[in-house]
Amino acid sequence: MKADRGKAMEHQVLIGTVKNKRQFEVNFEEKFYHIPEAVVPKDMMPVEYVALYLPAGTFGDENGCIRYYGKVSKITAVKRSAIESLPSHNGEMVYYRFDVEEWKTLEKPIVRECGGIYAKAFTSLEKLLSAKKLSDIINTERAVAKKIKNHGFTDSELEKIEVTKDPVGVKLLAKRINDAAGKEKILPVQITKYLLEKGYLRIVFDEKTKTENRMPTDKGIGLGIENFWEINKYYREYSKNYYGEAAQRFIIEHLNEIVLITVNEAYKNE
């Protein structure tokens, strides 16, 4: 019986990721948190508290942190469309809505020093209140290492990837990466998305071609990303980015981060 109680205490607190500042404002002001029912294991319910994990950049925090928690007053399973203050395309999907009595502020934020929480994590209230860094609550380093082992690239695979002084397009770069791994581990779109999120590329609408193009920012140009207009076999103009040697090496150095973000992207269709 004591063992069961101890196990229950370990998932006393649900740590839920807040995806952006708007979600935080609504969750905080209306005193609730929501998460897809499908991502919460049944044996981890019910929880007594919810803590909010604010990812890197949400409020200018470079590494992300946990700042707020609250005691759960009610748990309901609702269709996503019922959460009207945060509209979503997933209207028919079932979500857990956790109403809290009030949000309390931790004495000091629990900072992320490695990895992160991508959808949710569980811990005890005791650990939450005493933790100084994220790894005090969950073994983030071990979780990161496991995911990289399963989905990422080994050092030997990274060393095999061909890097050239001549600039290459993202499709050829992805092919070289996958050839070194011996199987498809990365897609061009994953690389492009990462560079967009990190501010090396930006989306620009071109009035002439009526298309959205991924163009290098000043930061991207400094890294060695160049953009050129080319003509396809149908004699239509299109924009294409080329990655110089420094840009190729940067992408290779961050491959496991790119893969990890993709693997753990929390309910990406939200």
C-alpha atoms as a PDB file:
ATOM      1  CA  MET A   1       0.000   0.000   0.000  1.00  0.00           C
ATOM      2  CA  LYS A   2       2.843   2.386   0.877  1.00  0.00           C
ATOM      3  CA  ALA A   3       4.549   1.545  -2.401  1.00  0.00           C
ATOM      4  CA  ASP A   4       1.383   2.466  -4.302  1.00  0.00           C
ATOM      5  CA  ARG A   5       1.183   5.736  -2.396  1.00  0.00           C
ATOM      6  CA  GLY A   6       4.822   6.484  -3.202  1.00  0.00           C
ATOM      7  CA  LYS A   7       4.225   5.817  -6.874  1.00  0.00           C
ATOM      8  CA  ALA A   8       1.182   8.109  -6.832  1.00  0.00           C
ATOM      9  CA  MET A   9       3.222  10.884  -5.237  1.00  0.00           C
ATOM     10  CA  GLU A  10       5.687  10.728  -8.117  1.00  0.00           C
ATOM     11  CA  HIS A  11       2.989  11.849 -10.543  1.00  0.00           C
ATOM     12  CA  GLN A  12       1.233  14.194  -8.131  1.00  0.00           C
ATOM     13  CA  VAL A  13       2.153  17.153 -10.341  1.00  0.00           C
ATOM     14  CA  LEU A  14       1.616  17.420 -14.089  1.00  0.00           C
ATOM     15  CA  ILE A  15       4.177  19.735 -15.665  1.00  0.00           C
ATOM     16  CA  GLY A  16       2.580  20.995 -18.847  1.00  0.00           C
ATOM     17  CA  THR A  17       4.251  22.935 -21.644  1.00  0.00           C
ATOM     18  CA  VAL A  18       2.888  26.361 -22.526  1.00  0.00           C
ATOM     19  CA  LYS A  19       3.422  26.705 -26.262  1.00  0.00           C
ATOM     20  CA  ASN A  20       3.447  30.498 -26.560  1.00  0.00           C
ATOM     21  CA  LYS A  21       2.796  33.744 -24.717  1.00  0.00           C
ATOM     22  CA  ARG A  22      -0.859  33.889 -25.786  1.00  0.00           C
ATOM     23  CA  GLN A  23      -1.582  30.443 -24.356  1.00  0.00           C
ATOM     24  CA  PHE A  24       0.108  31.418 -21.110  1.00  0.00           C
ATOM     25  CA  GLU A  25      -1.958  34.604 -20.799  1.00  0.00           C
ATOM     26  CA  VAL A  26      -5.240  32.741 -21.263  1.00  0.00           C
ATOM     27  CA  ASN A  27      -4.291  29.780 -19.036  1.00  0.00           C
ATOM     28  CA  PHE A  28      -3.060  32.131 -16.321  1.00  0.00           C
ATOM     29  CA  GLU A  29      -5.923  34.631 -16.415  1.00  0.00           C
ATOM     30  CA  GLU A  30      -8.664  32.004 -16.654  1.00  0.00           C
ATOM     31  CA  LYS A  31      -6.955  29.664 -14.165  1.00  0.00           C
ATOM     32  CA  PHE A  32      -6.794  26.464 -16.175  1.00  0.00           C
ATOM     33  CA  TYR A  33      -4.465  24.321 -18.253  1.00  0.00           C
ATOM     34  CA  HIS A  34      -5.355  22.063 -21.200  1.00  0.00           C
ATOM     35  CA  ILE A  35      -3.603  19.166 -22.888  1.00  0.00           C
ATOM     36  CA  PRO A  36      -4.709  16.451 -25.332  1.00  0.00           C
ATOM     37  CA  GLU A  37      -6.137  13.436 -23.534  1.00  0.00           C
ATOM     38  CA  ALA A  38      -4.153  11.161 -25.852  1.00  0.00           C
ATOM     39  CA  VAL A  39      -0.766  12.313 -24.553  1.00  0.00           C
ATOM     40  CA  VAL A  40      -1.536  11.703 -20.868  1.00  0.00           C
ATOM     41  CA  PRO A  41      -1.170   8.053 -19.769  1.00  0.00           C
ATOM     42  CA  LYS A  42      -4.275   6.812 -17.948  1.00  0.00           C
ATOM     43  CA  ASP A  43      -2.226   5.427 -15.067  1.00  0.00           C
ATOM     44  CA  MET A  44      -0.857   8.907 -14.354  1.00  0.00           C
ATOM     45  CA  MET A  45      -4.302  10.322 -13.614  1.00  0.00           C
ATOM     46  CA  PRO A  46      -5.659  12.026 -11.655  1.00  0.00           C
ATOM     47  CA  VAL A  47      -3.095  14.678 -10.760  1.00  0.00           C
ATOM     48  CA  GLU A  48      -3.330  17.069  -7.838  1.00  0.00           C
ATOM     49  CA  TYR A  49      -1.311  19.979  -9.192  1.00  0.00           C
ATOM     50  CA  VAL A  50      -0.339  21.528 -12.523  1.00  0.00           C
ATOM     51  CA  ALA A  51       2.926  23.384 -13.099  1.00  0.00           C
ATOM     52  CA  LEU A  52       3.624  25.455 -16.210  1.00  0.00           C
ATOM     53  CA  TYR A  53       6.813  24.941 -18.210  1.00  0.00           C
ATOM     54  CA  LEU A  54       7.652  28.014 -20.276  1.00  0.00           C
ATOM     55  CA  PRO A  55       9.902  27.016 -23.204  1.00  0.00           C
ATOM     56  CA  ALA A  56      12.966  29.002 -24.179  1.00  0.00           C
ATOM     57  CA  GLY A  57      12.062  32.392 -25.602  1.00  0.00           C
ATOM     58  CA  THR A  58       8.494  32.554 -24.242  1.00  0.00           C
ATOM     59  CA  PHE A  59       9.333  35.531 -22.046  1.00  0.00           C
ATOM     60  CA  GLY A  60      12.900  36.141 -23.092  1.00  0.00           C
ATOM     61  CA  ASP A  61      14.193  33.289 -20.922  1.00  0.00           C
ATOM     62  CA  GLU A  62      17.069  31.852 -22.902  1.00  0.00           C
ATOM     63  CA  ASN A  63      16.766  28.329 -21.496  1.00  0.00           C
ATOM     64  CA  GLY A  64      13.138  27.974 -20.449  1.00  0.00           C
ATOM     65  CA  CYS A  65      11.840  27.464 -16.905  1.00  0.00           C
ATOM     66  CA  ILE A  66       8.992  26.513 -14.569  1.00  0.00           C
ATOM     67  CA  ARG A  67       7.639  29.513 -12.667  1.00  0.00           C
ATOM     68  CA  TYR A  68       4.032  28.820 -11.742  1.00  0.00           C
ATOM     69  CA  TYR A  69       1.969  25.992 -10.275  1.00  0.00           C
ATOM     70  CA  GLY A  70      -1.540  25.553  -8.944  1.00  0.00           C
ATOM     71  CA  LYS A  71      -3.707  23.057  -7.084  1.00  0.00           C
ATOM     72  CA  VAL A  72      -6.242  21.356  -9.336  1.00  0.00           C
ATOM     73  CA  SER A  73      -9.858  21.997  -8.390  1.00  0.00           C
ATOM     74  CA  LYS A  74     -11.518  20.118 -11.253  1.00  0.00           C
ATOM     75  CA  ILE A  75     -10.548  17.858 -14.156  1.00  0.00           C
ATOM     76  CA  THR A  76     -12.857  17.543 -17.133  1.00  0.00           C
ATOM     77  CA  ALA A  77     -12.525  15.896 -20.544  1.00  0.00           C
ATOM     78  CA  VAL A  78     -13.844  18.277 -23.199  1.00  0.00           C
ATOM     79  CA  LYS A  79     -13.735  18.734 -26.944  1.00  0.00           C
ATOM     80  CA  ARG A  80     -11.059  21.225 -27.947  1.00  0.00           C
ATOM     81  CA  SER A  81     -13.730  23.497 -29.429  1.00  0.00           C
ATOM     82  CA  ALA A  82     -15.062  24.057 -25.894  1.00  0.00           C
ATOM     83  CA  ILE A  83     -11.935  26.051 -25.043  1.00  0.00           C
ATOM     84  CA  GLU A  84     -13.216  29.106 -26.879  1.00  0.00           C
ATOM     85  CA  SER A  85     -10.635  31.615 -25.629  1.00  0.00           C
ATOM     86  CA  LEU A  86      -7.898  29.697 -27.499  1.00  0.00           C
ATOM     87  CA  PRO A  87      -9.342  28.703 -30.914  1.00  0.00           C
ATOM     88  CA  SER A  88      -7.883  25.625 -32.597  1.00  0.00           C
ATOM     89  CA  HIS A  89      -8.248  23.549 -35.756  1.00  0.00           C
ATOM     90  CA  ASN A  90      -8.501  20.445 -33.549  1.00  0.00           C
ATOM     91  CA  GLY A  91     -12.065  21.181 -32.493  1.00  0.00           C
ATOM     92  CA  GLU A  92     -13.177  17.529 -32.247  1.00  0.00           C
ATOM     93  CA  MET A  93     -10.116  16.296 -30.367  1.00  0.00           C
ATOM     94  CA  VAL A  94     -10.656  15.433 -26.679  1.00  0.00           C
ATOM     95  CA  TYR A  95      -8.592  17.439 -24.190  1.00  0.00           C
ATOM     96  CA  TYR A  96      -8.185  17.361 -20.444  1.00  0.00           C
ATOM     97  CA  ARG A  97      -9.025  20.706 -18.877  1.00  0.00           C
ATOM     98  CA  PHE A  98      -7.455  21.225 -15.454  1.00  0.00           C
ATOM     99  CA  ASP A  99      -9.050  24.072 -13.507  1.00  0.00           C
ATOM    100  CA  VAL A 100      -6.810  25.391 -10.716  1.00  0.00           C
ATOM    101  CA  GLU A 101      -7.689  27.241  -7.535  1.00  0.00           C
ATOM    102  CA  GLU A 102      -4.985  29.859  -8.132  1.00  0.00           C
ATOM    103  CA  TRP A 103      -1.569  30.087  -9.743  1.00  0.00           C
ATOM    104  CA  LYS A 104       1.274  30.372  -7.264  1.00  0.00           C
ATOM    105  CA  THR A 105       4.772  31.595  -8.052  1.00  0.00           C
ATOM    106  CA  LEU A 106       7.747  29.440  -7.109  1.00  0.00           C
ATOM    107  CA  GLU A 107      10.322  31.173  -4.908  1.00  0.00           C
ATOM    108  CA  LYS A 108      12.847  30.749  -7.715  1.00  0.00           C
ATOM    109  CA  PRO A 109      12.191  29.571 -11.286  1.00  0.00           C
ATOM    110  CA  ILE A 110      13.260  26.006 -12.033  1.00  0.00           C
ATOM    111  CA  VAL A 111      15.618  26.502 -14.938  1.00  0.00           C
ATOM    112  CA  ARG A 112      16.308  24.231 -17.898  1.00  0.00           C
ATOM    113  CA  GLU A 113      19.974  23.492 -18.390  1.00  0.00           C
ATOM    114  CA  CYS A 114      19.646  20.688 -20.953  1.00  0.00           C
ATOM    115  CA  GLY A 115      16.876  19.118 -22.983  1.00  0.00           C
ATOM    116  CA  GLY A 116      13.410  20.275 -22.005  1.00  0.00           C
ATOM    117  CA  ILE A 117       9.769  19.252 -21.578  1.00  0.00           C
ATOM    118  CA  TYR A 118       8.059  18.835 -24.925  1.00  0.00           C
ATOM    119  CA  ALA A 119       4.485  18.003 -23.954  1.00  0.00           C
ATOM    120  CA  LYS A 120       4.344  16.985 -20.328  1.00  0.00           C
ATOM    121  CA  ALA A 121       6.243  15.488 -17.401  1.00  0.00           C
ATOM    122  CA  PHE A 122       5.279  14.327 -13.918  1.00  0.00           C
ATOM    123  CA  THR A 123       6.820  14.817 -10.512  1.00  0.00           C
ATOM    124  CA  SER A 124       5.973  15.088  -6.819  1.00  0.00           C
ATOM    125  CA  LEU A 125       5.055  18.361  -5.110  1.00  0.00           C
ATOM    126  CA  GLU A 126       8.047  17.954  -2.808  1.00  0.00           C
ATOM    127  CA  LYS A 127      10.458  17.773  -5.739  1.00  0.00           C
ATOM    128  CA  LEU A 128       8.755  20.679  -7.500  1.00  0.00           C
ATOM    129  CA  LEU A 129       9.098  22.969  -4.486  1.00  0.00           C
ATOM    130  CA  SER A 130      12.724  22.053  -3.762  1.00  0.00           C
ATOM    131  CA  ALA A 131      14.140  21.853  -7.305  1.00  0.00           C
ATOM    132  CA  LYS A 132      16.558  24.451  -8.657  1.00  0.00           C
ATOM    133  CA  LYS A 133      16.988  23.034 -12.139  1.00  0.00           C
ATOM    134  CA  LEU A 134      14.915  20.815 -14.389  1.00  0.00           C
ATOM    135  CA  SER A 135      17.132  17.771 -13.953  1.00  0.00           C
ATOM    136  CA  ASP A 136      16.323  17.858 -10.207  1.00  0.00           C
ATOM    137  CA  ILE A 137      12.768  16.923 -11.167  1.00  0.00           C
ATOM    138  CA  ILE A 138      13.181  14.658 -14.154  1.00  0.00           C
ATOM    139  CA  ASN A 139      16.260  12.992 -15.523  1.00  0.00           C
ATOM    140  CA  THR A 140      16.360  15.210 -18.573  1.00  0.00           C
ATOM    141  CA  GLU A 141      19.875  14.278 -19.590  1.00  0.00           C
ATOM    142  CA  ARG A 142      19.009  10.572 -19.631  1.00  0.00           C
ATOM    143  CA  ALA A 143      15.809  11.189 -21.584  1.00  0.00           C
ATOM    144  CA  VAL A 144      17.657  13.323 -24.117  1.00  0.00           C
ATOM    145  CA  ALA A 145      20.412  10.748 -24.512  1.00  0.00           C
ATOM    146  CA  LYS A 146      17.868   7.948 -25.039  1.00  0.00           C
ATOM    147  CA  LYS A 147      15.975   9.847 -27.724  1.00  0.00           C
ATOM    148  CA  ILE A 148      19.154  10.827 -29.516  1.00  0.00           C
ATOM    149  CA  LYS A 149      20.299   7.204 -29.408  1.00  0.00           C
ATOM    150  CA  ASN A 150      17.051   6.007 -30.955  1.00  0.00           C
ATOM    151  CA  HIS A 151      16.503   8.734 -33.518  1.00  0.00           C
ATOM    152  CA  GLY A 152      19.662  10.810 -33.774  1.00  0.00           C
ATOM    153  CA  PHE A 153      23.162  10.556 -35.163  1.00  0.00           C
ATOM    154  CA  THR A 154      26.224   8.958 -33.635  1.00  0.00           C
ATOM    155  CA  ASP A 155      29.588  10.709 -33.650  1.00  0.00           C
ATOM    156  CA  SER A 156      30.848   8.304 -36.299  1.00  0.00           C
ATOM    157  CA  GLU A 157      27.853   9.061 -38.541  1.00  0.00           C
ATOM    158  CA  LEU A 158      28.387  12.795 -38.132  1.00  0.00           C
ATOM    159  CA  GLU A 159      32.050  12.444 -39.080  1.00  0.00           C
ATOM    160  CA  LYS A 160      31.114  10.655 -42.324  1.00  0.00           C
ATOM    161  CA  ILE A 161      28.921  13.461 -43.644  1.00  0.00           C
ATOM    162  CA  GLU A 162      30.477  15.126 -46.664  1.00  0.00           C
ATOM    163  CA  VAL A 163      31.105  18.864 -46.356  1.00  0.00           C
ATOM    164  CA  THR A 164      32.161  20.885 -49.408  1.00  0.00           C
ATOM    165  CA  LYS A 165      33.436  24.366 -50.051  1.00  0.00           C
ATOM    166  CA  ASP A 166      30.925  24.593 -52.890  1.00  0.00           C
ATOM    167  CA  PRO A 167      27.454  25.661 -51.688  1.00  0.00           C
ATOM    168  CA  VAL A 168      24.719  22.993 -51.830  1.00  0.00           C
ATOM    169  CA  GLY A 169      20.933  22.984 -51.693  1.00  0.00           C
ATOM    170  CA  VAL A 170      19.090  21.562 -48.703  1.00  0.00           C
ATOM    171  CA  LYS A 171      17.937  18.439 -50.587  1.00  0.00           C
ATOM    172  CA  LEU A 172      21.496  17.455 -51.477  1.00  0.00           C
ATOM    173  CA  LEU A 173      22.664  18.223 -47.950  1.00  0.00           C
ATOM    174  CA  ALA A 174      19.925  16.002 -46.488  1.00  0.00           C
ATOM    175  CA  LYS A 175      20.894  13.230 -48.922  1.00  0.00           C
ATOM    176  CA  ARG A 176      24.530  13.404 -47.815  1.00  0.00           C
ATOM    177  CA  ILE A 177      23.441  13.233 -44.183  1.00  0.00           C
ATOM    178  CA  ASN A 178      21.214  10.204 -44.761  1.00  0.00           C
ATOM    179  CA  ASP A 179      23.864   8.483 -46.888  1.00  0.00           C
ATOM    180  CA  ALA A 180      26.306   8.791 -43.976  1.00  0.00           C
ATOM    181  CA  ALA A 181      23.729   7.274 -41.605  1.00  0.00           C
ATOM    182  CA  GLY A 182      22.827   4.477 -44.011  1.00  0.00           C
ATOM    183  CA  LYS A 183      19.132   5.281 -43.769  1.00  0.00           C
ATOM    184  CA  GLU A 184      16.743   8.213 -43.887  1.00  0.00           C
ATOM    185  CA  LYS A 185      16.982  10.070 -40.598  1.00  0.00           C
ATOM    186  CA  ILE A 186      16.422  13.645 -41.700  1.00  0.00           C
ATOM    187  CA  LEU A 187      14.209  15.430 -44.212  1.00  0.00           C
ATOM    188  CA  PRO A 188      14.995  18.741 -45.920  1.00  0.00           C
ATOM    189  CA  VAL A 189      11.865  20.272 -44.372  1.00  0.00           C
ATOM    190  CA  GLN A 190      13.178  19.528 -40.858  1.00  0.00           C
ATOM    191  CA  ILE A 191      16.369  21.454 -41.567  1.00  0.00           C
ATOM    192  CA  THR A 192      14.477  24.363 -43.091  1.00  0.00           C
ATOM    193  CA  LYS A 193      12.027  24.518 -40.202  1.00  0.00           C
ATOM    194  CA  TYR A 194      14.853  24.556 -37.667  1.00  0.00           C
ATOM    195  CA  LEU A 195      16.583  27.428 -39.479  1.00  0.00           C
ATOM    196  CA  LEU A 196      13.305  29.346 -39.583  1.00  0.00           C
ATOM    197  CA  GLU A 197      12.735  28.853 -35.860  1.00  0.00           C
ATOM    198  CA  LYS A 198      16.291  29.910 -35.030  1.00  0.00           C
ATOM    199  CA  GLY A 199      16.102  33.055 -37.144  1.00  0.00           C
ATOM    200  CA  TYR A 200      18.464  32.088 -39.963  1.00  0.00           C
ATOM    201  CA  LEU A 201      15.640  32.048 -42.511  1.00  0.00           C
ATOM    202  CA  ARG A 202      12.429  34.029 -42.831  1.00  0.00           C
ATOM    203  CA  ILE A 203       9.304  33.682 -44.961  1.00  0.00           C
ATOM    204  CA  VAL A 204       8.891  36.370 -47.600  1.00  0.00           C
ATOM    205  CA  PHE A 205       5.942  36.656 -49.995  1.00  0.00           C
ATOM    206  CA  ASP A 206       6.992  37.492 -53.544  1.00  0.00           C
ATOM    207  CA  GLU A 207       4.422  39.525 -55.467  1.00  0.00           C
ATOM    208  CA  LYS A 208       5.907  38.613 -58.833  1.00  0.00           C
ATOM    209  CA  THR A 209       5.638  34.833 -58.472  1.00  0.00           C
ATOM    210  CA  LYS A 210       2.851  34.915 -55.847  1.00  0.00           C
ATOM    211  CA  THR A 211       4.792  32.464 -53.680  1.00  0.00           C
ATOM    212  CA  GLU A 212       6.094  32.299 -50.119  1.00  0.00           C
ATOM    213  CA  ASN A 213       9.860  31.891 -50.099  1.00  0.00           C
ATOM    214  CA  ARG A 214      12.342  30.978 -47.386  1.00  0.00           C
ATOM    215  CA  MET A 215      14.951  33.725 -47.531  1.00  0.00           C
ATOM    216  CA  PRO A 216      18.096  34.096 -45.407  1.00  0.00           C
ATOM    217  CA  THR A 217      18.047  36.782 -42.729  1.00  0.00           C
ATOM    218  CA  ASP A 218      21.139  38.862 -41.977  1.00  0.00           C
ATOM    219  CA  LYS A 219      21.963  36.183 -39.423  1.00  0.00           C
ATOM    220  CA  GLY A 220      21.615  33.498 -42.103  1.00  0.00           C
ATOM    221  CA  ILE A 221      23.693  35.430 -44.613  1.00  0.00           C
ATOM    222  CA  GLY A 222      26.401  35.740 -41.971  1.00  0.00           C
ATOM    223  CA  LEU A 223      26.314  31.969 -41.572  1.00  0.00           C
ATOM    224  CA  GLY A 224      26.831  31.463 -45.297  1.00  0.00           C
ATOM    225  CA  ILE A 225      23.313  30.967 -46.668  1.00  0.00           C
ATOM    226  CA  GLU A 226      22.769  32.508 -50.103  1.00  0.00           C
ATOM    227  CA  ASN A 227      19.551  32.815 -52.064  1.00  0.00           C
ATOM    228  CA  PHE A 228      19.248  32.703 -55.846  1.00  0.00           C
ATOM    229  CA  TRP A 229      16.390  32.843 -58.320  1.00  0.00           C
ATOM    230  CA  GLU A 230      16.390  29.966 -60.768  1.00  0.00           C
ATOM    231  CA  ILE A 231      14.141  28.756 -63.581  1.00  0.00           C
ATOM    232  CA  ASN A 232      12.543  25.303 -63.525  1.00  0.00           C
ATOM    233  CA  LYS A 233      11.741  23.072 -66.496  1.00  0.00           C
ATOM    234  CA  TYR A 234       8.416  24.843 -66.927  1.00  0.00           C
ATOM    235  CA  TYR A 235      10.282  28.171 -67.296  1.00  0.00           C
ATOM    236  CA  ARG A 236       8.956  29.435 -63.995  1.00  0.00           C
ATOM    237  CA  GLU A 237      11.117  31.343 -61.550  1.00  0.00           C
ATOM    238  CA  TYR A 238      11.633  29.938 -58.086  1.00  0.00           C
ATOM    239  CA  SER A 239      13.760  30.835 -55.082  1.00  0.00           C
ATOM    240  CA  LYS A 240      16.441  28.449 -53.835  1.00  0.00           C
ATOM    241  CA  ASN A 241      18.828  28.647 -50.889  1.00  0.00           C
ATOM    242  CA  TYR A 242      22.396  27.398 -51.045  1.00  0.00           C
ATOM    243  CA  TYR A 243      24.433  26.507 -47.982  1.00  0.00           C
ATOM    244  CA  GLY A 244      28.147  27.282 -47.888  1.00  0.00           C
ATOM    245  CA  GLU A 245      30.748  25.307 -45.958  1.00  0.00           C
ATOM    246  CA  ALA A 246      30.165  27.105 -42.633  1.00  0.00           C
ATOM    247  CA  ALA A 247      26.386  26.700 -42.948  1.00  0.00           C
ATOM    248  CA  GLN A 248      26.784  22.994 -43.764  1.00  0.00           C
ATOM    249  CA  ARG A 249      28.937  22.477 -40.671  1.00  0.00           C
ATOM    250  CA  PHE A 250      26.474  24.421 -38.501  1.00  0.00           C
ATOM    251  CA  ILE A 251      23.570  22.211 -39.608  1.00  0.00           C
ATOM    252  CA  ILE A 252      25.600  19.033 -39.044  1.00  0.00           C
ATOM    253  CA  GLU A 253      26.653  20.198 -35.573  1.00  0.00           C
ATOM    254  CA  HIS A 254      22.991  20.736 -34.667  1.00  0.00           C
ATOM    255  CA  LEU A 255      21.526  17.623 -36.289  1.00  0.00           C
ATOM    256  CA  ASN A 256      20.650  15.905 -33.022  1.00  0.00           C
ATOM    257  CA  GLU A 257      18.908  19.042 -31.814  1.00  0.00           C
ATOM    258  CA  ILE A 258      16.945  19.181 -35.075  1.00  0.00           C
ATOM    259  CA  VAL A 259      15.957  15.507 -34.776  1.00  0.00           C
ATOM    260  CA  LEU A 260      15.080  15.795 -31.094  1.00  0.00           C
ATOM    261  CA  ILE A 261      12.828  18.798 -31.612  1.00  0.00           C
ATOM    262  CA  THR A 262      11.033  16.999 -34.443  1.00  0.00           C
ATOM    263  CA  VAL A 263      10.594  13.764 -32.485  1.00  0.00           C
ATOM    264  CA  ASN A 264       9.248  15.546 -29.427  1.00  0.00           C
ATOM    265  CA  GLU A 265       7.195  18.249 -31.066  1.00  0.00           C
ATOM    266  CA  ALA A 266       4.271  18.496 -28.731  1.00  0.00           C
ATOM    267  CA  TYR A 267       0.916  17.851 -30.401  1.00  0.00           C
ATOM    268  CA  LYS A 268       2.168  19.740 -33.452  1.00  0.00           C
ATOM    269  CA  ASN A 269      -1.279  20.020 -35.068  1.00  0.00           C
ATOM    270  CA  GLU A 270      -2.518  22.286 -32.257  1.00  0.00           C
END
